[in-house]
Each structure stands twice: as C-alpha cells, then as structure tokens.
Amino acid sequence: MSVSLWIWAVLMLAIAAMLAVDLFLHRDNHVIGFREAAVWSGIWIAAGLLFGVVLWLWQGGDVAGTYYAGYLIEKALSIDNVFVFALIFSYFAVPAAFQHKVLFWGVIGALVFRLVFIFVGAEMLETFFWTAYVFGAFLVWTGYKMAFRHGEQTPPERNPVVRLVRRIVPTAPAFHGDRFFTRIDGKRVATLLFVVLIAVETTDLIFAIDSVAAILAITTSTFIVWTANAFAILGLRSLYFCLAGLLRRFVHLHYGLAVLLAFAGVKLILPETPVGKLPIPVTLGVIVVTIAVSILWSLRSTRGAVPDGH
C-alpha cells in the first residue's frame, strides 16, 4: 500500500489535534470520573473504527480488515498497559488529579516509540527473511511469560532507568503539584511526578516492542501499522480511568493476551513456510474470539466481586 507524504502529513496533524483537544480539556487537573472516562473512551474507539471505514471506502475491504485486525490486537494489548500503570500509580501513591498528566505525556512517548519501531521493524522484515523467525520466537516466548509469570511484578522503583535518573538528576522526594520540575532553595530539581513519568515511559518502551512485533505479524504496511497503533494508543488515558476500578475482575485476561502474542508469533513465521499467510478473516476471528473468551471467563470467575473504589 503506497501512501503519499501529504496523507501522512494530514494524519499526523489530525493526531496532534486530537492530543491538543485531550490536553486542553484536562488542563485544570480535575479528577477524572468513570462517566467522563467512559464517554471519552467511546469517542476514541469510535474514531478508530471510523478510520477503518475510511480505509474501506478508500482502499477496499482487505486493507480495512487488516487495519481492524491490527487495531483490535493493539487495543487488547493496551489493557495490559493499564494494569502496569495502575501498579506504578499505586506504588508511588500518585494523587488522582495528577495521573492524567503523566498518562498524557506517556501517550506521546508511546506514539514516538512505536513510530520508530514500526519503520525499523518493517524494514528489517522486508530486508532480512530471518527477522520473521526472530520476531516470531520472541512473541511466542513473551506470550509464554505472560501466561505463566504474569503475577511476577518488579517494583517500579527498581526500574534501572528510574534508578539512573534519580542518581543523575537531583530529585525531590515528594510531589509539587502537577510539576515535573521545581526549585528548592534556589536549585532546580525533578519532582516525584517526573520519576513516575520515567517509570511509565520505560515500561511502555517494553510494551512497544511487543505490540509492534505483534501487529507486524499481520502486515508490514507502515501506514496500517502506524494508524492502528496510533488510534489504539490515543484512547489509553481514558481507558485507564475507565478500567482502573475494574482491573481486579480481569483475572484471566492475561491468558487471552498471551494467546494473541503467541498467535502473532506463529503468524509471523508462517509466510516463510509452505503454509503461507493466514487470511485476514481468520486472523480477525481468532483475535475477537480470544479477547471475548478471556473477558467473559474473567467476569464469570469474579461474579459478585466488588471493584476497587466501591
């Protein structure tokens, strides 16, 4: 799929405009409630689905189906981001009013990381055939780790990048409003909120590797991979506030995500074998069924449980 530079430019401007709207509407640091988060989650999901319709009218059903497959797998994997963000915010006791600012800049970092990985990964897959085996094995291994080692969480403060930042940058041991930097005794220092941002960004860097590798198993079209990632990530902040109180009920979701990662790994390798590429309808079906089964299994297992904050 060949896309001209002006279309790329329009897309980048549209994403920048949506991010600007998001920042403008939440500039007052108010606590985001479930209803507001649910409304905005619905708006971002609708935008992602509508873009698929635009692709359908512009490039046809095959391209749109590929985009939807990529969008769904990225949206599902983003839920695991929410689990980790909740852990980081809880560990550092981040006030609810400041969490959205960290997530906003975290989303920008996520978009940048993914843009770099998409172009590098796609180029490697197109140039070196053996890259498919490396990426595929990596995804299968990541799926195994997610399925059987999901409960093993490393405290965010032990993140090597966080420790390095605290060693290099003078850091205040407390929050100073929503500022990332402040002055204490005339000296400019980083606040604890900046440390939280570093923890979020470095964690998402790891997620970016997994998610980009997973969607490259579906297509190596940089335009499709980037748009699927962008529209899935744009709603991540709202998704966090929407699901934060319900995370305890998604007890089996990690099994579904593990299956999706392993499936993406196998799908990435198959084109290099006599089996060939799997049809997009089959890919879409596996993704939808896996997500639905893992969510329904989780909700059934936790029926009657009281969500956090209730």
Protein backbone atom coordinates (compact mmCIF):
# COMPACT_ATOMS: atom_id res chain seq x y z
CA MET A 1 0.00 0.00 0.00
CA SER A 2 1.61 3.24 -1.20
CA VAL A 3 0.66 6.40 0.69
CA SER A 4 1.77 9.88 -0.37
CA LEU A 5 3.58 12.23 2.01
CA TRP A 6 0.67 14.67 2.14
CA ILE A 7 -1.63 11.95 3.52
CA TRP A 8 0.99 11.18 6.18
CA ALA A 9 1.13 14.89 7.00
CA VAL A 10 -2.66 15.17 7.31
CA LEU A 11 -2.75 12.11 9.56
CA MET A 12 -0.01 13.49 11.83
CA LEU A 13 -1.82 16.83 12.07
CA ALA A 14 -5.10 15.07 12.92
CA ILE A 15 -3.45 13.05 15.70
CA ALA A 16 -1.73 16.20 17.02
CA ALA A 17 -5.10 17.99 17.02
CA MET A 18 -6.74 15.16 18.97
CA LEU A 19 -3.92 15.22 21.52
CA ALA A 20 -4.29 19.00 21.82
CA VAL A 21 -8.02 18.62 22.49
CA ASP A 22 -7.27 16.00 25.12
CA LEU A 23 -4.74 18.28 26.86
CA PHE A 24 -6.96 21.37 26.64
CA LEU A 25 -9.98 19.66 28.18
CA HIS A 26 -7.96 18.37 31.15
CA ARG A 27 -5.70 21.33 31.86
CA ASP A 28 -7.32 22.03 35.25
CA ASN A 29 -6.14 18.79 36.93
CA HIS A 30 -9.64 17.70 37.94
CA VAL A 31 -10.17 14.10 39.00
CA ILE A 32 -11.50 12.12 36.03
CA GLY A 33 -14.52 10.03 36.97
CA PHE A 34 -15.82 6.84 35.42
CA ARG A 35 -18.58 8.52 33.37
CA GLU A 36 -16.23 11.08 31.79
CA ALA A 37 -13.62 8.38 31.09
CA ALA A 38 -16.27 6.11 29.55
CA VAL A 39 -17.54 8.89 27.27
CA TRP A 40 -14.03 9.72 26.05
CA SER A 41 -13.17 6.05 25.65
CA GLY A 42 -16.25 5.73 23.45
CA ILE A 43 -15.17 8.78 21.40
CA TRP A 44 -11.65 7.41 20.82
CA ILE A 45 -12.92 3.93 19.96
CA ALA A 46 -15.46 5.44 17.55
CA ALA A 47 -12.65 7.44 15.91
CA GLY A 48 -10.58 4.28 15.49
CA LEU A 49 -13.49 2.35 14.00
CA LEU A 50 -14.46 5.26 11.73
CA PHE A 51 -10.93 5.40 10.34
CA GLY A 52 -11.37 1.76 9.34
CA VAL A 53 -14.48 2.76 7.39
CA VAL A 54 -12.48 5.49 5.63
CA LEU A 55 -9.87 2.88 4.67
CA TRP A 56 -12.66 0.58 3.42
CA LEU A 57 -14.01 3.29 1.11
CA TRP A 58 -10.53 4.37 0.02
CA GLN A 59 -8.56 1.11 -0.30
CA GLY A 60 -11.13 -1.69 -0.08
CA GLY A 61 -12.18 -4.41 2.35
CA ASP A 62 -8.84 -6.25 2.56
CA VAL A 63 -6.94 -3.18 3.73
CA ALA A 64 -9.72 -2.23 6.17
CA GLY A 65 -9.82 -5.79 7.53
CA THR A 66 -6.06 -5.72 8.06
CA TYR A 67 -6.37 -2.40 9.90
CA TYR A 68 -9.17 -3.70 12.14
CA ALA A 69 -7.16 -6.83 12.99
CA GLY A 70 -4.19 -4.66 13.95
CA TYR A 71 -6.36 -2.19 15.87
CA LEU A 72 -8.04 -4.95 17.89
CA ILE A 73 -4.81 -6.64 18.88
CA GLU A 74 -3.25 -3.30 19.86
CA LYS A 75 -6.35 -2.32 21.86
CA ALA A 76 -6.30 -5.65 23.68
CA LEU A 77 -2.60 -5.37 24.49
CA SER A 78 -3.11 -1.81 25.74
CA ILE A 79 -5.24 -3.22 28.58
CA ASP A 80 -2.10 -4.83 29.96
CA ASN A 81 -0.52 -1.35 29.95
CA VAL A 82 -3.39 -0.26 32.18
CA PHE A 83 -2.55 -2.98 34.72
CA VAL A 84 1.06 -1.80 34.94
CA PHE A 85 0.15 1.90 35.07
CA ALA A 86 -2.19 1.14 37.97
CA LEU A 87 0.68 -0.62 39.75
CA ILE A 88 3.03 2.35 39.21
CA PHE A 89 0.48 4.93 40.39
CA SER A 90 -0.35 2.82 43.44
CA TYR A 91 3.31 2.23 44.30
CA PHE A 92 4.19 5.94 44.18
CA ALA A 93 0.79 6.99 45.63
CA VAL A 94 0.17 9.45 42.77
CA PRO A 95 -2.81 11.74 43.52
CA ALA A 96 -5.72 11.06 41.15
CA ALA A 97 -5.72 14.69 39.94
CA PHE A 98 -2.16 14.37 38.57
CA GLN A 99 -2.41 10.94 36.95
CA HIS A 100 -3.90 12.19 33.67
CA LYS A 101 -0.89 14.50 33.06
CA VAL A 102 1.53 11.58 33.40
CA LEU A 103 -0.66 9.47 31.09
CA PHE A 104 -0.92 12.26 28.52
CA TRP A 105 2.86 12.58 28.18
CA GLY A 106 3.08 8.81 28.39
CA VAL A 107 0.81 8.56 25.34
CA ILE A 108 3.04 10.97 23.40
CA GLY A 109 6.09 8.91 24.31
CA ALA A 110 4.28 5.72 23.30
CA LEU A 111 3.43 7.17 19.87
CA VAL A 112 7.07 8.20 19.30
CA PHE A 113 8.45 4.82 20.40
CA ARG A 114 6.05 2.94 18.17
CA LEU A 115 6.72 5.15 15.17
CA VAL A 116 10.45 4.38 15.42
CA PHE A 117 9.93 0.64 16.00
CA ILE A 118 7.41 0.38 13.16
CA PHE A 119 9.74 1.74 10.50
CA VAL A 120 12.76 -0.17 11.80
CA GLY A 121 10.82 -3.44 12.23
CA ALA A 122 9.04 -3.23 8.88
CA GLU A 123 12.30 -2.51 7.08
CA MET A 124 14.01 -5.46 8.77
CA LEU A 125 11.18 -7.82 7.85
CA GLU A 126 11.29 -6.67 4.24
CA THR A 127 15.10 -6.90 4.01
CA PHE A 128 16.06 -9.95 6.09
CA PHE A 129 13.87 -13.08 5.87
CA TRP A 130 15.28 -14.48 9.11
CA THR A 131 13.86 -11.49 11.04
CA ALA A 132 10.43 -13.15 10.88
CA TYR A 133 11.77 -16.17 12.81
CA VAL A 134 13.44 -13.93 15.42
CA PHE A 135 10.36 -11.75 15.94
CA GLY A 136 8.07 -14.79 15.88
CA ALA A 137 10.10 -16.67 18.51
CA PHE A 138 10.24 -13.50 20.63
CA LEU A 139 6.45 -13.15 20.57
CA VAL A 140 5.88 -16.83 21.45
CA TRP A 141 8.34 -16.50 24.35
CA THR A 142 6.66 -13.27 25.50
CA GLY A 143 3.27 -14.99 25.37
CA TYR A 144 4.62 -17.85 27.50
CA LYS A 145 5.99 -15.39 30.07
CA MET A 146 2.70 -13.50 30.18
CA ALA A 147 0.70 -16.70 30.72
CA PHE A 148 2.83 -18.30 33.40
CA ARG A 149 4.69 -15.42 35.04
CA HIS A 150 2.04 -12.72 34.98
CA GLY A 151 1.99 -12.34 38.77
CA GLU A 152 5.71 -11.56 39.00
CA GLN A 153 5.84 -7.78 39.24
CA THR A 154 9.04 -5.78 39.78
CA PRO A 155 8.60 -2.69 41.99
CA PRO A 156 8.75 0.38 39.71
CA GLU A 157 11.45 1.98 41.87
CA ARG A 158 13.76 -0.92 40.95
CA ASN A 159 13.45 0.02 37.30
CA PRO A 160 17.11 0.58 36.25
CA VAL A 161 16.25 3.72 34.26
CA VAL A 162 14.37 5.20 37.23
CA ARG A 163 17.32 4.44 39.49
CA LEU A 164 19.71 6.02 36.99
CA VAL A 165 17.60 9.17 36.73
CA ARG A 166 17.46 9.51 40.49
CA ARG A 167 21.23 9.10 40.64
CA ILE A 168 21.95 11.68 37.92
CA VAL A 169 19.12 14.21 38.34
CA PRO A 170 18.59 15.87 41.74
CA THR A 171 15.13 14.67 42.76
CA ALA A 172 12.70 15.89 45.43
CA PRO A 173 11.19 13.07 47.49
CA ALA A 174 7.65 14.44 47.15
CA PHE A 175 5.07 15.77 44.69
CA HIS A 176 4.93 19.51 43.98
CA GLY A 177 1.53 19.89 42.39
CA ASP A 178 1.49 18.68 38.80
CA ARG A 179 5.00 19.93 38.06
CA PHE A 180 7.75 17.67 36.78
CA PHE A 181 10.43 20.14 37.93
CA THR A 182 10.55 22.73 40.70
CA ARG A 183 13.00 24.89 42.62
CA ILE A 184 14.05 24.12 46.17
CA ASP A 185 16.47 26.52 47.89
CA GLY A 186 17.15 28.11 44.52
CA LYS A 187 18.13 24.79 42.93
CA ARG A 188 16.15 23.23 40.06
CA VAL A 189 15.19 19.64 40.90
CA ALA A 190 12.94 16.94 39.47
CA THR A 191 9.79 16.09 41.41
CA LEU A 192 8.48 12.66 42.28
CA LEU A 193 5.96 13.07 39.44
CA PHE A 194 8.88 13.16 36.98
CA VAL A 195 10.16 9.89 38.42
CA VAL A 196 6.68 8.40 37.88
CA LEU A 197 6.72 9.64 34.26
CA ILE A 198 10.10 7.95 33.68
CA ALA A 199 8.72 4.70 35.15
CA VAL A 200 5.69 4.89 32.83
CA GLU A 201 7.76 5.74 29.73
CA THR A 202 10.36 2.99 30.23
CA THR A 203 7.64 0.44 30.92
CA ASP A 204 5.80 1.46 27.77
CA LEU A 205 9.05 1.15 25.81
CA ILE A 206 8.96 -2.58 26.60
CA PHE A 207 5.27 -2.80 25.69
CA ALA A 208 6.00 -1.02 22.40
CA ILE A 209 8.40 -3.77 21.34
CA ASP A 210 5.78 -6.46 22.00
CA SER A 211 2.88 -4.64 20.39
CA VAL A 212 4.72 -3.51 17.25
CA ALA A 213 6.12 -7.01 16.70
CA ALA A 214 2.59 -8.43 17.12
CA ILE A 215 0.99 -6.15 14.53
CA LEU A 216 3.88 -6.63 12.08
CA ALA A 217 2.77 -10.27 12.04
CA ILE A 218 -0.45 -9.03 10.43
CA THR A 219 1.02 -6.55 7.94
CA THR A 220 4.28 -4.76 7.17
CA SER A 221 2.48 -1.74 5.72
CA THR A 222 3.89 1.10 7.85
CA PHE A 223 0.76 3.20 7.25
CA ILE A 224 -1.61 0.49 8.53
CA VAL A 225 0.65 -0.46 11.44
CA TRP A 226 1.09 3.17 12.50
CA THR A 227 -2.58 4.13 12.25
CA ALA A 228 -3.71 1.02 14.15
CA ASN A 229 -1.19 1.78 16.90
CA ALA A 230 -2.00 5.48 16.99
CA PHE A 231 -5.78 5.08 17.30
CA ALA A 232 -5.39 2.32 19.90
CA ILE A 233 -2.95 4.39 21.98
CA LEU A 234 -4.92 7.65 21.73
CA GLY A 235 -7.60 6.20 23.99
CA LEU A 236 -5.17 4.73 26.51
CA ARG A 237 -5.51 7.57 29.04
CA SER A 238 -9.30 7.40 29.04
CA LEU A 239 -9.18 3.59 29.08
CA TYR A 240 -7.09 3.71 32.25
CA PHE A 241 -9.61 5.83 34.14
CA CYS A 242 -12.44 3.74 32.74
CA LEU A 243 -10.98 0.37 33.79
CA ALA A 244 -8.85 1.26 36.83
CA GLY A 245 -11.60 0.29 39.25
CA LEU A 246 -12.45 -2.92 37.38
CA LEU A 247 -8.96 -4.41 36.92
CA ARG A 248 -9.44 -6.95 39.71
CA ARG A 249 -12.18 -8.60 37.66
CA PHE A 250 -9.98 -9.24 34.61
CA VAL A 251 -8.19 -12.12 36.33
CA HIS A 252 -7.86 -14.31 33.22
CA LEU A 253 -7.33 -11.63 30.59
CA HIS A 254 -3.57 -12.21 30.58
CA TYR A 255 -4.17 -15.72 29.23
CA GLY A 256 -6.03 -14.24 26.27
CA LEU A 257 -3.26 -11.70 25.65
CA ALA A 258 -0.68 -14.48 25.90
CA VAL A 259 -2.56 -16.48 23.26
CA LEU A 260 -2.70 -13.43 20.99
CA LEU A 261 1.05 -12.83 21.29
CA ALA A 262 1.84 -16.49 20.61
CA PHE A 263 -0.61 -16.50 17.69
CA ALA A 264 1.05 -13.38 16.27
CA GLY A 265 4.44 -15.07 16.60
CA VAL A 266 3.28 -18.15 14.71
CA LYS A 267 1.53 -15.97 12.09
CA LEU A 268 4.77 -14.06 11.55
CA ILE A 269 6.67 -17.27 10.79
CA LEU A 270 4.04 -18.99 8.61
CA PRO A 271 4.66 -16.88 5.45
CA GLU A 272 8.23 -18.25 5.45
CA THR A 273 6.86 -21.83 5.39
CA PRO A 274 4.81 -23.82 2.82
CA VAL A 275 1.65 -22.95 4.81
CA GLY A 276 1.83 -19.30 3.78
CA LYS A 277 -0.03 -16.28 5.19
CA LEU A 278 -3.27 -16.78 7.11
CA PRO A 279 -6.32 -15.00 5.60
CA ILE A 280 -7.33 -11.77 7.34
CA PRO A 281 -10.85 -13.12 8.24
CA VAL A 282 -9.17 -16.00 10.10
CA THR A 283 -6.87 -13.55 11.93
CA LEU A 284 -9.80 -11.29 12.86
CA GLY A 285 -11.80 -14.29 14.07
CA VAL A 286 -9.00 -15.57 16.30
CA ILE A 287 -8.45 -12.11 17.82
CA VAL A 288 -12.15 -11.43 18.51
CA VAL A 289 -12.85 -14.91 19.93
CA THR A 290 -9.73 -14.89 22.13
CA ILE A 291 -10.47 -11.47 23.62
CA ALA A 292 -14.16 -12.30 24.15
CA VAL A 293 -13.48 -15.66 25.79
CA SER A 294 -10.83 -14.29 28.18
CA ILE A 295 -13.03 -11.36 29.24
CA LEU A 296 -16.17 -13.47 29.70
CA TRP A 297 -14.17 -16.11 31.60
CA SER A 298 -12.78 -13.37 33.87
CA LEU A 299 -16.17 -11.79 34.53
CA ARG A 300 -17.76 -15.17 35.22
CA SER A 301 -14.98 -16.14 37.64
CA THR A 302 -15.27 -12.85 39.57
CA ARG A 303 -19.03 -12.59 39.59
CA GLY A 304 -20.08 -10.82 42.78
CA ALA A 305 -16.64 -9.30 43.36
CA VAL A 306 -16.52 -5.67 44.47
CA PRO A 307 -14.37 -3.48 42.17
CA ASP A 308 -11.69 -1.23 43.63
CA GLY A 309 -13.00 2.04 44.91
CA HIS A 310 -16.55 0.72 45.59
